[in-house]
C-alpha atoms as a PDB file:
ATOM      1  CA  MET A   1     200.671 162.554 149.102  1.00  0.00           C
ATOM      2  CA  ASN A   2     199.075 164.429 151.989  1.00  0.00           C
ATOM      3  CA  ASP A   3     196.029 166.683 151.619  1.00  0.00           C
ATOM      4  CA  TYR A   4     198.049 169.899 151.685  1.00  0.00           C
ATOM      5  CA  VAL A   5     200.075 168.771 148.669  1.00  0.00           C
ATOM      6  CA  LYS A   6     196.866 168.039 146.780  1.00  0.00           C
ATOM      7  CA  GLU A   7     195.549 171.496 147.624  1.00  0.00           C
ATOM      8  CA  LEU A   8     198.851 173.043 146.536  1.00  0.00           C
ATOM      9  CA  MET A   9     198.579 171.356 143.149  1.00  0.00           C
ATOM     10  CA  LYS A  10     195.018 172.622 142.732  1.00  0.00           C
ATOM     11  CA  LEU A  11     196.046 176.161 143.653  1.00  0.00           C
ATOM     12  CA  ILE A  12     198.928 176.158 141.171  1.00  0.00           C
ATOM     13  CA  ASP A  13     196.506 175.048 138.459  1.00  0.00           C
ATOM     14  CA  LYS A  14     194.176 177.866 139.541  1.00  0.00           C
ATOM     15  CA  ILE A  15     196.934 180.470 139.228  1.00  0.00           C
ATOM     16  CA  ALA A  16     197.753 179.124 135.772  1.00  0.00           C
ATOM     17  CA  TYR A  17     195.250 181.228 133.830  1.00  0.00           C
ATOM     18  CA  THR A  18     197.501 183.071 131.399  1.00  0.00           C
ATOM     19  CA  HIS A  19     200.526 180.893 132.206  1.00  0.00           C
ATOM     20  CA  THR A  20     201.122 177.157 132.206  1.00  0.00           C
ATOM     21  CA  SER A  21     201.128 175.173 135.452  1.00  0.00           C
ATOM     22  CA  ARG A  22     204.769 174.335 134.747  1.00  0.00           C
ATOM     23  CA  GLU A  23     205.689 178.020 134.620  1.00  0.00           C
ATOM     24  CA  VAL A  24     203.666 178.849 137.741  1.00  0.00           C
ATOM     25  CA  PHE A  25     205.346 176.068 139.718  1.00  0.00           C
ATOM     26  CA  LYS A  26     208.805 177.187 138.591  1.00  0.00           C
ATOM     27  CA  ASP A  27     208.054 180.812 139.515  1.00  0.00           C
ATOM     28  CA  PHE A  28     206.532 179.741 142.827  1.00  0.00           C
ATOM     29  CA  ILE A  29     209.589 177.832 144.024  1.00  0.00           C
ATOM     30  CA  GLU A  30     211.945 180.602 142.902  1.00  0.00           C
ATOM     31  CA  MET A  31     209.981 183.406 144.568  1.00  0.00           C
ATOM     32  CA  SER A  32     209.593 181.350 147.748  1.00  0.00           C
ATOM     33  CA  ALA A  33     213.322 180.636 147.879  1.00  0.00           C
ATOM     34  CA  ILE A  34     214.151 184.312 147.291  1.00  0.00           C
ATOM     35  CA  SER A  35     211.715 185.394 150.006  1.00  0.00           C
ATOM     36  CA  ILE A  36     213.345 183.171 152.611  1.00  0.00           C
ATOM     37  CA  SER A  37     216.877 184.041 151.545  1.00  0.00           C
ATOM     38  CA  ASN A  38     216.246 187.794 151.546  1.00  0.00           C
ATOM     39  CA  SER A  39     214.651 187.606 154.980  1.00  0.00           C
ATOM     40  CA  VAL A  40     217.690 186.121 156.700  1.00  0.00           C
ATOM     41  CA  GLU A  41     220.778 187.348 154.839  1.00  0.00           C
ATOM     42  CA  HIS A  42     221.598 190.167 152.439  1.00  0.00           C
ATOM     43  CA  SER A  43     224.674 189.069 150.503  1.00  0.00           C
ATOM     44  CA  HIS A  44     222.587 188.940 147.323  1.00  0.00           C
ATOM     45  CA  TYR A  45     219.557 190.900 148.470  1.00  0.00           C
ATOM     46  CA  ASN A  46     219.355 193.470 145.679  1.00  0.00           C
ATOM     47  CA  GLU A  47     219.807 191.138 142.725  1.00  0.00           C
ATOM     48  CA  ARG A  48     217.410 188.535 144.149  1.00  0.00           C
ATOM     49  CA  GLU A  49     214.806 191.156 145.025  1.00  0.00           C
ATOM     50  CA  LYS A  50     215.002 192.445 141.462  1.00  0.00           C
ATOM     51  CA  GLN A  51     214.462 188.930 140.142  1.00  0.00           C
ATOM     52  CA  TYR A  52     211.581 188.399 142.548  1.00  0.00           C
ATOM     53  CA  LEU A  53     209.803 191.548 141.370  1.00  0.00           C
ATOM     54  CA  SER A  54     210.258 190.603 137.733  1.00  0.00           C
ATOM     55  CA  LEU A  55     208.526 187.269 138.439  1.00  0.00           C
ATOM     56  CA  ILE A  56     205.613 188.467 140.573  1.00  0.00           C
ATOM     57  CA  LYS A  57     204.767 191.257 138.116  1.00  0.00           C
ATOM     58  CA  LYS A  58     204.010 188.645 135.469  1.00  0.00           C
ATOM     59  CA  TYR A  59     200.733 187.961 137.296  1.00  0.00           C
ATOM     60  CA  ASP A  60     197.678 190.132 137.865  1.00  0.00           C
ATOM     61  CA  SER A  61     196.813 191.353 141.356  1.00  0.00           C
ATOM     62  CA  GLU A  62     194.327 188.555 142.037  1.00  0.00           C
ATOM     63  CA  ARG A  63     196.837 185.830 141.225  1.00  0.00           C
ATOM     64  CA  GLN A  64     199.601 187.561 143.128  1.00  0.00           C
ATOM     65  CA  LYS A  65     197.464 187.119 146.250  1.00  0.00           C
ATOM     66  CA  LEU A  66     197.354 183.348 145.697  1.00  0.00           C
ATOM     67  CA  PHE A  67     201.108 182.836 145.969  1.00  0.00           C
ATOM     68  CA  PRO A  68     201.201 183.378 149.769  1.00  0.00           C
ATOM     69  CA  GLU A  69     198.419 180.784 150.027  1.00  0.00           C
ATOM     70  CA  ALA A  70     200.533 178.375 148.006  1.00  0.00           C
ATOM     71  CA  PHE A  71     203.493 178.961 150.315  1.00  0.00           C
ATOM     72  CA  ALA A  72     201.324 178.372 153.386  1.00  0.00           C
ATOM     73  CA  LEU A  73     200.163 175.067 151.899  1.00  0.00           C
ATOM     74  CA  LEU A  74     203.772 174.040 151.284  1.00  0.00           C
ATOM     75  CA  VAL A  75     204.672 174.845 154.903  1.00  0.00           C
ATOM     76  CA  GLU A  76     201.684 172.844 156.155  1.00  0.00           C
ATOM     77  CA  ALA A  77     202.561 169.919 153.882  1.00  0.00           C
ATOM     78  CA  LEU A  78     206.155 169.770 155.120  1.00  0.00           C
ATOM     79  CA  GLU A  79     205.131 170.260 158.752  1.00  0.00           C
ATOM     80  CA  THR A  80     202.606 167.433 158.455  1.00  0.00           C
ATOM     81  CA  GLU A  81     205.275 165.048 157.190  1.00  0.00           C
ATOM     82  CA  ALA A  82     207.715 166.081 159.906  1.00  0.00           C
ATOM     83  CA  GLN A  83     205.113 165.630 162.648  1.00  0.00           C
ATOM     84  CA  VAL A  84     203.693 162.293 161.554  1.00  0.00           C
ATOM     85  CA  GLY A  85     207.045 160.733 160.772  1.00  0.00           C
ATOM     86  CA  THR A  86     210.202 162.099 159.204  1.00  0.00           C
ATOM     87  CA  PRO A  87     211.052 164.738 156.565  1.00  0.00           C
ATOM     88  CA  VAL A  88     210.389 163.650 152.983  1.00  0.00           C
ATOM     89  CA  ASP A  89     210.748 165.220 149.566  1.00  0.00           C
ATOM     90  CA  ILE A  90     207.488 166.839 148.468  1.00  0.00           C
ATOM     91  CA  LEU A  91     208.641 169.204 145.730  1.00  0.00           C
ATOM     92  CA  GLY A  92     210.589 166.654 143.694  1.00  0.00           C
ATOM     93  CA  PRO A  93     207.519 164.542 142.860  1.00  0.00           C
ATOM     94  CA  LEU A  94     205.562 167.725 142.052  1.00  0.00           C
ATOM     95  CA  PHE A  95     208.381 168.785 139.739  1.00  0.00           C
ATOM     96  CA  MET A  96     207.998 165.521 137.854  1.00  0.00           C
ATOM     97  CA  ASP A  97     204.177 165.702 137.919  1.00  0.00           C
ATOM     98  CA  PHE A  98     204.343 169.103 136.220  1.00  0.00           C
ATOM     99  CA  LYS A  99     206.751 167.567 133.649  1.00  0.00           C
ATOM    100  CA  LEU A 100     209.492 170.074 134.362  1.00  0.00           C
ATOM    101  CA  GLY A 101     212.315 167.553 134.134  1.00  0.00           C
ATOM    102  CA  ASP A 102     214.789 167.752 131.280  1.00  0.00           C
ATOM    103  CA  LYS A 103     215.323 164.739 129.058  1.00  0.00           C
ATOM    104  CA  GLY A 104     217.023 162.042 131.131  1.00  0.00           C
ATOM    105  CA  GLN A 105     216.469 163.925 134.406  1.00  0.00           C
ATOM    106  CA  PHE A 106     215.190 161.575 137.089  1.00  0.00           C
ATOM    107  CA  PHE A 107     214.904 162.090 140.833  1.00  0.00           C
ATOM    108  CA  THR A 108     215.762 159.204 143.144  1.00  0.00           C
ATOM    109  CA  PRO A 109     212.562 158.012 144.883  1.00  0.00           C
ATOM    110  CA  GLN A 110     212.319 158.852 148.565  1.00  0.00           C
ATOM    111  CA  HIS A 111     212.178 155.218 149.716  1.00  0.00           C
ATOM    112  CA  VAL A 112     215.528 154.548 148.012  1.00  0.00           C
ATOM    113  CA  CYS A 113     217.019 157.640 149.660  1.00  0.00           C
ATOM    114  CA  THR A 114     215.667 156.470 153.012  1.00  0.00           C
ATOM    115  CA  MET A 115     217.332 153.083 152.579  1.00  0.00           C
ATOM    116  CA  MET A 116     220.661 154.686 151.638  1.00  0.00           C
ATOM    117  CA  GLY A 117     220.453 156.931 154.682  1.00  0.00           C
ATOM    118  CA  LYS A 118     220.042 153.888 156.905  1.00  0.00           C
ATOM    119  CA  LEU A 119     223.063 152.239 155.300  1.00  0.00           C
ATOM    120  CA  ALA A 120     225.219 155.331 155.754  1.00  0.00           C
ATOM    121  CA  LEU A 121     224.529 155.982 159.439  1.00  0.00           C
ATOM    122  CA  SER A 122     224.455 153.987 162.635  1.00  0.00           C
ATOM    123  CA  GLU A 123     223.926 154.734 166.303  1.00  0.00           C
ATOM    124  CA  ASN A 124     226.999 156.061 168.132  1.00  0.00           C
ATOM    125  CA  ASP A 125     228.409 157.491 164.908  1.00  0.00           C
ATOM    126  CA  LYS A 126     232.070 158.363 165.505  1.00  0.00           C
ATOM    127  CA  SER A 127     231.899 161.798 163.873  1.00  0.00           C
ATOM    128  CA  ILE A 128     228.881 162.859 165.904  1.00  0.00           C
ATOM    129  CA  THR A 129     230.307 161.387 169.092  1.00  0.00           C
ATOM    130  CA  GLU A 130     233.635 163.190 168.710  1.00  0.00           C
ATOM    131  CA  LYS A 131     232.633 166.491 167.084  1.00  0.00           C
ATOM    132  CA  GLY A 132     228.974 166.751 168.038  1.00  0.00           C
ATOM    133  CA  PHE A 133     227.865 166.919 164.416  1.00  0.00           C
ATOM    134  CA  ILE A 134     228.290 165.289 161.027  1.00  0.00           C
ATOM    135  CA  THR A 135     228.803 166.888 157.615  1.00  0.00           C
ATOM    136  CA  LEU A 136     227.058 165.709 154.472  1.00  0.00           C
ATOM    137  CA  SER A 137     228.031 166.577 150.906  1.00  0.00           C
ATOM    138  CA  GLU A 138     225.480 166.000 148.142  1.00  0.00           C
ATOM    139  CA  PRO A 139     227.087 166.777 144.728  1.00  0.00           C
ATOM    140  CA  CYS A 140     223.885 166.343 142.691  1.00  0.00           C
ATOM    141  CA  CYS A 141     221.128 167.222 145.135  1.00  0.00           C
ATOM    142  CA  GLY A 142     217.998 167.441 142.973  1.00  0.00           C
ATOM    143  CA  ALA A 143     215.177 168.498 145.279  1.00  0.00           C
ATOM    144  CA  GLY A 144     217.079 167.236 148.331  1.00  0.00           C
ATOM    145  CA  ALA A 145     215.594 163.742 148.729  1.00  0.00           C
ATOM    146  CA  MET A 146     218.955 162.126 149.524  1.00  0.00           C
ATOM    147  CA  VAL A 147     219.639 164.690 152.247  1.00  0.00           C
ATOM    148  CA  LEU A 148     216.173 164.101 153.682  1.00  0.00           C
ATOM    149  CA  GLY A 149     216.762 160.350 153.635  1.00  0.00           C
ATOM    150  CA  PHE A 150     219.887 160.901 155.741  1.00  0.00           C
ATOM    151  CA  ALA A 151     217.929 163.209 158.063  1.00  0.00           C
ATOM    152  CA  GLN A 152     215.409 160.403 158.512  1.00  0.00           C
ATOM    153  CA  ALA A 153     218.223 158.045 159.474  1.00  0.00           C
ATOM    154  CA  MET A 154     219.509 160.566 162.008  1.00  0.00           C
ATOM    155  CA  LYS A 155     216.079 160.889 163.586  1.00  0.00           C
ATOM    156  CA  ASN A 156     215.743 157.105 163.785  1.00  0.00           C
ATOM    157  CA  CYS A 157     219.119 156.967 165.550  1.00  0.00           C
ATOM    158  CA  LYS A 158     217.965 159.622 168.043  1.00  0.00           C
ATOM    159  CA  TYR A 159     220.120 162.387 166.591  1.00  0.00           C
ATOM    160  CA  ASP A 160     218.866 165.951 166.027  1.00  0.00           C
ATOM    161  CA  TYR A 161     219.301 166.762 162.331  1.00  0.00           C
ATOM    162  CA  THR A 162     218.529 170.439 162.993  1.00  0.00           C
ATOM    163  CA  ARG A 163     221.609 170.742 165.226  1.00  0.00           C
ATOM    164  CA  GLN A 164     223.899 167.795 164.479  1.00  0.00           C
ATOM    165  CA  LEU A 165     223.883 167.829 160.676  1.00  0.00           C
ATOM    166  CA  VAL A 166     225.359 170.402 158.301  1.00  0.00           C
ATOM    167  CA  VAL A 167     224.911 169.989 154.560  1.00  0.00           C
ATOM    168  CA  THR A 168     226.582 171.206 151.387  1.00  0.00           C
ATOM    169  CA  ALA A 169     224.244 170.463 148.469  1.00  0.00           C
ATOM    170  CA  VAL A 170     225.154 171.219 144.850  1.00  0.00           C
ATOM    171  CA  ASP A 171     223.291 171.073 141.546  1.00  0.00           C
ATOM    172  CA  THR A 172     223.664 172.571 138.070  1.00  0.00           C
ATOM    173  CA  ASP A 173     219.887 173.076 137.712  1.00  0.00           C
ATOM    174  CA  ILE A 174     218.753 176.288 139.407  1.00  0.00           C
ATOM    175  CA  ARG A 175     215.231 174.866 139.739  1.00  0.00           C
ATOM    176  CA  CYS A 176     216.652 172.048 141.849  1.00  0.00           C
ATOM    177  CA  ILE A 177     218.542 174.587 143.929  1.00  0.00           C
ATOM    178  CA  HIS A 178     215.317 176.420 144.703  1.00  0.00           C
ATOM    179  CA  MET A 179     213.467 173.213 145.635  1.00  0.00           C
ATOM    180  CA  CYS A 180     216.282 171.818 147.750  1.00  0.00           C
ATOM    181  CA  TYR A 181     216.826 175.138 149.502  1.00  0.00           C
ATOM    182  CA  LEU A 182     213.124 175.530 150.253  1.00  0.00           C
ATOM    183  CA  GLN A 183     212.759 172.092 151.778  1.00  0.00           C
ATOM    184  CA  LEU A 184     215.969 172.156 153.811  1.00  0.00           C
ATOM    185  CA  ALA A 185     215.177 175.666 155.040  1.00  0.00           C
ATOM    186  CA  LEU A 186     211.634 174.813 156.097  1.00  0.00           C
ATOM    187  CA  TYR A 187     212.626 171.490 157.663  1.00  0.00           C
ATOM    188  CA  GLY A 188     215.219 173.390 159.723  1.00  0.00           C
ATOM    189  CA  ILE A 189     218.322 171.699 158.313  1.00  0.00           C
ATOM    190  CA  PRO A 190     221.591 173.697 158.363  1.00  0.00           C
ATOM    191  CA  ALA A 191     222.777 173.822 154.761  1.00  0.00           C
ATOM    192  CA  VAL A 192     224.581 175.703 152.046  1.00  0.00           C
ATOM    193  CA  VAL A 193     222.805 174.976 148.775  1.00  0.00           C
ATOM    194  CA  VAL A 194     225.142 175.756 145.904  1.00  0.00           C
ATOM    195  CA  HIS A 195     224.203 176.439 142.308  1.00  0.00           C
ATOM    196  CA  GLY A 196     227.268 174.958 140.716  1.00  0.00           C
ATOM    197  CA  ASP A 197     228.920 172.110 138.849  1.00  0.00           C
ATOM    198  CA  SER A 198     230.561 169.529 141.100  1.00  0.00           C
ATOM    199  CA  LEU A 199     232.538 167.949 138.250  1.00  0.00           C
ATOM    200  CA  ALA A 200     233.829 171.205 136.789  1.00  0.00           C
ATOM    201  CA  VAL A 201     234.334 172.685 140.275  1.00  0.00           C
ATOM    202  CA  LYS A 202     232.326 175.813 139.463  1.00  0.00           C
ATOM    203  CA  GLU A 203     230.009 177.778 141.751  1.00  0.00           C
ATOM    204  CA  TRP A 204     227.563 180.501 140.669  1.00  0.00           C
ATOM    205  CA  SER A 205     225.491 181.235 143.750  1.00  0.00           C
ATOM    206  CA  HIS A 206     225.025 180.184 147.378  1.00  0.00           C
ATOM    207  CA  TRP A 207     221.804 179.815 149.338  1.00  0.00           C
ATOM    208  CA  TYR A 208     222.126 179.607 153.131  1.00  0.00           C
ATOM    209  CA  THR A 209     219.274 178.155 155.171  1.00  0.00           C
ATOM    210  CA  PRO A 210     218.148 180.192 158.195  1.00  0.00           C
ATOM    211  CA  VAL A 211     219.450 177.706 160.773  1.00  0.00           C
ATOM    212  CA  TYR A 212     222.830 177.582 159.032  1.00  0.00           C
ATOM    213  CA  ILE A 213     223.197 181.305 159.615  1.00  0.00           C
ATOM    214  CA  PHE A 214     221.637 181.620 163.045  1.00  0.00           C
ATOM    215  CA  HIS A 215     223.510 178.659 164.523  1.00  0.00           C
ATOM    216  CA  GLY A 216     226.842 179.966 163.210  1.00  0.00           C
ATOM    217  CA  TRP A 217     227.742 177.033 160.986  1.00  0.00           C
ATOM    218  CA  GLN A 218     229.900 179.235 158.754  1.00  0.00           C
ATOM    219  CA  TRP A 219     232.286 179.494 161.702  1.00  0.00           C
ATOM    220  CA  LYS A 220     231.884 175.986 163.102  1.00  0.00           C
ATOM    221  CA  THR A 221     232.780 174.405 159.781  1.00  0.00           C
ATOM    222  CA  ARG A 222     235.255 177.132 158.795  1.00  0.00           C
ATOM    223  CA  ARG A 223     233.828 177.211 155.274  1.00  0.00           C
ATOM    224  CA  ASN A 224     236.634 178.232 152.903  1.00  0.00           C
ATOM    225  CA  THR A 225     234.985 180.855 150.714  1.00  0.00           C
ATOM    226  CA  ALA A 226     235.283 184.577 150.270  1.00  0.00           C
ATOM    227  CA  GLU A 227     231.515 184.811 150.232  1.00  0.00           C
ATOM    228  CA  GLN A 228     229.951 184.491 153.667  1.00  0.00           C
ATOM    229  CA  PRO A 229     226.298 185.012 154.557  1.00  0.00           C
ATOM    230  CA  ALA A 230     225.513 188.357 156.120  1.00  0.00           C
ATOM    231  CA  PRO A 231     222.674 187.812 158.605  1.00  0.00           C
ATOM    232  CA  MET A 232     219.844 190.282 159.026  1.00  0.00           C
ATOM    233  CA  LYS A 233     219.472 189.463 162.711  1.00  0.00           C
ATOM    234  CA  ALA A 234     221.078 186.903 165.001  1.00  0.00           C
ATOM    235  CA  VAL A 235     218.528 184.776 166.819  1.00  0.00           C
ATOM    236  CA  SER A 236     218.297 181.285 168.249  1.00  0.00           C
ATOM    237  CA  LEU A 237     215.882 179.059 166.350  1.00  0.00           C
ATOM    238  CA  SER A 238     215.836 176.687 169.317  1.00  0.00           C
ATOM    239  CA  ASN A 239     213.748 179.316 171.098  1.00  0.00           C
ATOM    240  CA  PRO A 240     210.101 178.902 169.978  1.00  0.00           C
ATOM    241  CA  GLN A 241     209.341 182.626 170.296  1.00  0.00           C
ATOM    242  CA  GLU A 242     212.400 183.712 168.323  1.00  0.00           C
ATOM    243  CA  ARG A 243     211.799 180.990 165.718  1.00  0.00           C
ATOM    244  CA  ALA A 244     208.242 182.252 165.271  1.00  0.00           C
ATOM    245  CA  GLN A 245     209.580 185.786 164.817  1.00  0.00           C
ATOM    246  CA  VAL A 246     211.953 184.647 162.081  1.00  0.00           C
ATOM    247  CA  TYR A 247     209.230 183.025 160.009  1.00  0.00           C
ATOM    248  CA  GLU A 248     206.942 185.992 160.660  1.00  0.00           C
ATOM    249  CA  GLN A 249     209.639 188.209 159.152  1.00  0.00           C
ATOM    250  CA  LEU A 250     209.569 186.351 155.842  1.00  0.00           C
ATOM    251  CA  ASN A 251     206.859 188.723 154.504  1.00  0.00           C
ATOM    252  CA  LEU A 252     206.423 186.594 151.419  1.00  0.00           C
ATOM    253  CA  PHE A 253     205.311 187.938 148.066  1.00  0.00           C
ATOM    254  CA  ASP A 254     205.231 191.628 148.896  1.00  0.00           C
ATOM    255  CA  THR A 255     204.908 193.678 145.727  1.00  0.00           C
END
């Protein structure tokens, strides 16, 4: 656990004055996910903005100001992990620390996911060699640890998981959808995170990461769905200046 994660936990406890830490964490991940989604595509803008406002208004003005600080700490925590090594799941362990899991709900530890990623991928992968990218389907994604384990394997094999990996991640738990979406979005992984039931073949909502939209993965993979992301602005996240502009546009936690 890096220092930014520790500070994030302290800040969530600080916000939890008239609410429990569990509720604050749940609201934090949902509002953060909505803020990113509504900054890059508007297919569900109105309904998600309405939900966002209903959540932020639960808190007084002083605590509202702390949520952007919490988001900044999350960004720093993820960036630290990506810089010192490879992307890892940060929110999943926090989810369990705040005892948000349902009875029998257990997230696969990151080291197990890392091992499985190594087993699933090798250098000179045929799919990447022939198509230039590889697709990954995660039918029960949790907070995204398995996807991040595969991303680690790609990095170790000298592949670029921000350009040569496209993910479809599904879960029935909307809290998991928010966590997985947040981490894949901030790690720069192209993904469609689906709130749905893989066994019953049901889908209730779709969350598209910024790089999925801006790199045109909906066309590259010819995703068969009537619902396509509608981008706010087409930019290239490979350009440092344009990437900085995208994250500056997120305008998180406006009330």
